[in-house]
Amino acid sequence: MTRPRCWIVCGVSALAGLVTLCIYLSRAYPPKPGVTWGNVRRIELGMTQPEVESVLGRPPQTSTRGPIPITDSSPPGYHTVLLWSDMQCDILVYLDGSGRVIGREGVGSGPPSWYDRLRHRLGL
């Protein structure tokens, strides 16, 4: 094999390996229970408290009744607010009188950056 052709083959192989690595590192984790930013997005309107508990993996630490706003983005007229707290974030879930989710929010420093997710994926 001539020298320029060898460089082309090596370059294409390296590029293919880099693309494969990027695809592997960007694939989604299977959802796991826990108080995480990813699970905030998995809580859907209309869910019941047991369904939310199955997404988060445990019952709430506290629950409060009453329509007093907890944060600026609290939905009006909620009946109960449930709180889950962990190192990554806090999750507030608002239920109506029939026990269905009418709002949810994550509170904390924000979702991890792509760099933090990459470091976690690589185990660093």
C-alpha atoms as a PDB file:
ATOM      1  CA  MET A   1       0.000   0.000   0.000  1.00  0.00           C
ATOM      2  CA  THR A   2       1.385   3.399  -0.902  1.00  0.00           C
ATOM      3  CA  ARG A   3       2.089   5.945   1.792  1.00  0.00           C
ATOM      4  CA  PRO A   4      -0.729   8.456   0.903  1.00  0.00           C
ATOM      5  CA  ARG A   5      -3.284   5.660   0.694  1.00  0.00           C
ATOM      6  CA  CYS A   6      -2.173   4.395   4.118  1.00  0.00           C
ATOM      7  CA  TRP A   7      -2.726   7.869   5.603  1.00  0.00           C
ATOM      8  CA  ILE A   8      -6.201   8.045   4.079  1.00  0.00           C
ATOM      9  CA  VAL A   9      -7.154   4.604   5.420  1.00  0.00           C
ATOM     10  CA  CYS A  10      -5.795   5.473   8.895  1.00  0.00           C
ATOM     11  CA  GLY A  11      -7.606   8.828   8.881  1.00  0.00           C
ATOM     12  CA  VAL A  12     -10.926   7.282   7.848  1.00  0.00           C
ATOM     13  CA  SER A  13     -10.521   4.548  10.481  1.00  0.00           C
ATOM     14  CA  ALA A  14      -9.754   7.112  13.200  1.00  0.00           C
ATOM     15  CA  LEU A  15     -12.742   9.217  12.158  1.00  0.00           C
ATOM     16  CA  ALA A  16     -15.026   6.156  12.185  1.00  0.00           C
ATOM     17  CA  GLY A  17     -13.760   5.269  15.669  1.00  0.00           C
ATOM     18  CA  LEU A  18     -14.372   8.808  16.905  1.00  0.00           C
ATOM     19  CA  VAL A  19     -17.917   8.841  15.494  1.00  0.00           C
ATOM     20  CA  THR A  20     -18.610   5.446  17.113  1.00  0.00           C
ATOM     21  CA  LEU A  21     -17.310   6.723  20.469  1.00  0.00           C
ATOM     22  CA  CYS A  22     -19.471   9.863  20.249  1.00  0.00           C
ATOM     23  CA  ILE A  23     -22.570   7.805  19.467  1.00  0.00           C
ATOM     24  CA  TYR A  24     -21.822   5.452  22.365  1.00  0.00           C
ATOM     25  CA  LEU A  25     -21.308   8.295  24.849  1.00  0.00           C
ATOM     26  CA  SER A  26     -24.400  10.201  23.758  1.00  0.00           C
ATOM     27  CA  ARG A  27     -26.848   7.313  23.974  1.00  0.00           C
ATOM     28  CA  ALA A  28     -29.506   7.699  26.641  1.00  0.00           C
ATOM     29  CA  TYR A  29     -29.258   5.931  29.956  1.00  0.00           C
ATOM     30  CA  PRO A  30     -32.188   3.674  30.731  1.00  0.00           C
ATOM     31  CA  PRO A  31     -34.389   5.586  33.169  1.00  0.00           C
ATOM     32  CA  LYS A  32     -33.689   4.709  36.781  1.00  0.00           C
ATOM     33  CA  PRO A  33     -35.746   5.671  39.819  1.00  0.00           C
ATOM     34  CA  GLY A  34     -34.390   8.518  41.878  1.00  0.00           C
ATOM     35  CA  VAL A  35     -34.570  12.233  42.512  1.00  0.00           C
ATOM     36  CA  THR A  36     -32.852  13.423  39.329  1.00  0.00           C
ATOM     37  CA  TRP A  37     -33.357  16.131  36.722  1.00  0.00           C
ATOM     38  CA  GLY A  38     -34.151  13.456  34.142  1.00  0.00           C
ATOM     39  CA  ASN A  39     -36.973  12.113  36.284  1.00  0.00           C
ATOM     40  CA  VAL A  40     -38.485  15.576  36.705  1.00  0.00           C
ATOM     41  CA  ARG A  41     -39.228  15.437  32.961  1.00  0.00           C
ATOM     42  CA  ARG A  42     -40.709  11.918  33.304  1.00  0.00           C
ATOM     43  CA  ILE A  43     -43.442  13.113  35.689  1.00  0.00           C
ATOM     44  CA  GLU A  44     -46.458  13.826  33.501  1.00  0.00           C
ATOM     45  CA  LEU A  45     -49.619  15.792  34.128  1.00  0.00           C
ATOM     46  CA  GLY A  46     -52.463  13.528  35.236  1.00  0.00           C
ATOM     47  CA  MET A  47     -50.277  10.973  37.034  1.00  0.00           C
ATOM     48  CA  THR A  48     -51.317   9.783  40.489  1.00  0.00           C
ATOM     49  CA  GLN A  49     -49.087   9.877  43.571  1.00  0.00           C
ATOM     50  CA  PRO A  50     -48.264   6.123  43.369  1.00  0.00           C
ATOM     51  CA  GLU A  51     -47.209   6.576  39.718  1.00  0.00           C
ATOM     52  CA  VAL A  52     -44.941   9.488  40.675  1.00  0.00           C
ATOM     53  CA  GLU A  53     -43.495   7.419  43.527  1.00  0.00           C
ATOM     54  CA  SER A  54     -42.668   4.619  41.064  1.00  0.00           C
ATOM     55  CA  VAL A  55     -40.801   7.105  38.848  1.00  0.00           C
ATOM     56  CA  LEU A  56     -38.858   8.538  41.792  1.00  0.00           C
ATOM     57  CA  GLY A  57     -38.418   5.228  43.625  1.00  0.00           C
ATOM     58  CA  ARG A  58     -39.716   6.264  47.033  1.00  0.00           C
ATOM     59  CA  PRO A  59     -42.473   8.150  48.842  1.00  0.00           C
ATOM     60  CA  PRO A  60     -42.096  11.901  49.364  1.00  0.00           C
ATOM     61  CA  GLN A  61     -40.263  13.303  52.367  1.00  0.00           C
ATOM     62  CA  THR A  62     -43.010  15.827  53.051  1.00  0.00           C
ATOM     63  CA  SER A  63     -46.445  16.775  51.832  1.00  0.00           C
ATOM     64  CA  THR A  64     -48.266  20.024  52.463  1.00  0.00           C
ATOM     65  CA  ARG A  65     -51.897  20.916  51.893  1.00  0.00           C
ATOM     66  CA  GLY A  66     -53.233  24.269  50.851  1.00  0.00           C
ATOM     67  CA  PRO A  67     -53.257  26.667  47.946  1.00  0.00           C
ATOM     68  CA  ILE A  68     -50.461  28.902  49.291  1.00  0.00           C
ATOM     69  CA  PRO A  69     -47.799  29.275  46.542  1.00  0.00           C
ATOM     70  CA  ILE A  70     -44.510  27.564  47.381  1.00  0.00           C
ATOM     71  CA  THR A  71     -42.548  29.149  44.507  1.00  0.00           C
ATOM     72  CA  ASP A  72     -43.300  31.701  41.796  1.00  0.00           C
ATOM     73  CA  SER A  73     -44.164  28.890  39.376  1.00  0.00           C
ATOM     74  CA  SER A  74     -46.570  27.020  41.669  1.00  0.00           C
ATOM     75  CA  PRO A  75     -49.818  26.256  39.806  1.00  0.00           C
ATOM     76  CA  PRO A  76     -52.849  28.102  41.164  1.00  0.00           C
ATOM     77  CA  GLY A  77     -55.385  26.127  43.156  1.00  0.00           C
ATOM     78  CA  TYR A  78     -53.326  23.050  43.944  1.00  0.00           C
ATOM     79  CA  HIS A  79     -54.563  20.865  46.792  1.00  0.00           C
ATOM     80  CA  THR A  80     -51.339  19.119  47.894  1.00  0.00           C
ATOM     81  CA  VAL A  81     -47.645  19.596  47.208  1.00  0.00           C
ATOM     82  CA  LEU A  82     -45.220  16.683  47.594  1.00  0.00           C
ATOM     83  CA  LEU A  83     -41.478  17.162  48.092  1.00  0.00           C
ATOM     84  CA  TRP A  84     -38.625  14.809  47.244  1.00  0.00           C
ATOM     85  CA  SER A  85     -35.120  15.978  48.074  1.00  0.00           C
ATOM     86  CA  ASP A  86     -31.696  14.636  47.187  1.00  0.00           C
ATOM     87  CA  MET A  87     -28.164  15.834  46.456  1.00  0.00           C
ATOM     88  CA  GLN A  88     -28.824  16.564  42.762  1.00  0.00           C
ATOM     89  CA  CYS A  89     -32.116  18.470  43.098  1.00  0.00           C
ATOM     90  CA  ASP A  90     -35.414  18.850  44.904  1.00  0.00           C
ATOM     91  CA  ILE A  91     -38.653  17.895  43.163  1.00  0.00           C
ATOM     92  CA  LEU A  92     -41.985  19.524  43.919  1.00  0.00           C
ATOM     93  CA  VAL A  93     -45.129  17.825  42.597  1.00  0.00           C
ATOM     94  CA  TYR A  94     -48.483  19.588  42.814  1.00  0.00           C
ATOM     95  CA  LEU A  95     -51.686  17.512  43.054  1.00  0.00           C
ATOM     96  CA  ASP A  96     -55.293  18.607  42.586  1.00  0.00           C
ATOM     97  CA  GLY A  97     -58.175  17.571  44.850  1.00  0.00           C
ATOM     98  CA  SER A  98     -58.525  14.207  43.102  1.00  0.00           C
ATOM     99  CA  GLY A  99     -54.848  13.336  43.613  1.00  0.00           C
ATOM    100  CA  ARG A 100     -53.689  13.963  40.015  1.00  0.00           C
ATOM    101  CA  VAL A 101     -50.524  15.876  39.064  1.00  0.00           C
ATOM    102  CA  ILE A 102     -51.282  19.398  37.845  1.00  0.00           C
ATOM    103  CA  GLY A 103     -47.697  20.683  37.994  1.00  0.00           C
ATOM    104  CA  ARG A 104     -44.131  19.706  38.797  1.00  0.00           C
ATOM    105  CA  GLU A 105     -40.794  21.445  39.063  1.00  0.00           C
ATOM    106  CA  GLY A 106     -37.206  20.730  39.876  1.00  0.00           C
ATOM    107  CA  VAL A 107     -35.375  23.075  42.210  1.00  0.00           C
ATOM    108  CA  GLY A 108     -31.611  23.236  42.509  1.00  0.00           C
ATOM    109  CA  SER A 109     -28.507  24.196  40.624  1.00  0.00           C
ATOM    110  CA  GLY A 110     -29.888  22.941  37.296  1.00  0.00           C
ATOM    111  CA  PRO A 111     -29.413  19.881  35.141  1.00  0.00           C
ATOM    112  CA  PRO A 112     -25.829  18.659  34.696  1.00  0.00           C
ATOM    113  CA  SER A 113     -23.879  20.025  31.732  1.00  0.00           C
ATOM    114  CA  TRP A 114     -22.821  17.829  28.812  1.00  0.00           C
ATOM    115  CA  TYR A 115     -19.302  17.797  30.284  1.00  0.00           C
ATOM    116  CA  ASP A 116     -20.561  16.556  33.657  1.00  0.00           C
ATOM    117  CA  ARG A 117     -22.624  13.845  31.929  1.00  0.00           C
ATOM    118  CA  LEU A 118     -19.557  12.797  29.892  1.00  0.00           C
ATOM    119  CA  ARG A 119     -17.393  12.595  33.023  1.00  0.00           C
ATOM    120  CA  HIS A 120     -20.092  10.540  34.775  1.00  0.00           C
ATOM    121  CA  ARG A 121     -20.418   8.241  31.755  1.00  0.00           C
ATOM    122  CA  LEU A 122     -16.639   7.682  31.718  1.00  0.00           C
ATOM    123  CA  GLY A 123     -16.565   7.141  35.481  1.00  0.00           C
ATOM    124  CA  LEU A 124     -14.326  10.130  36.204  1.00  0.00           C
END
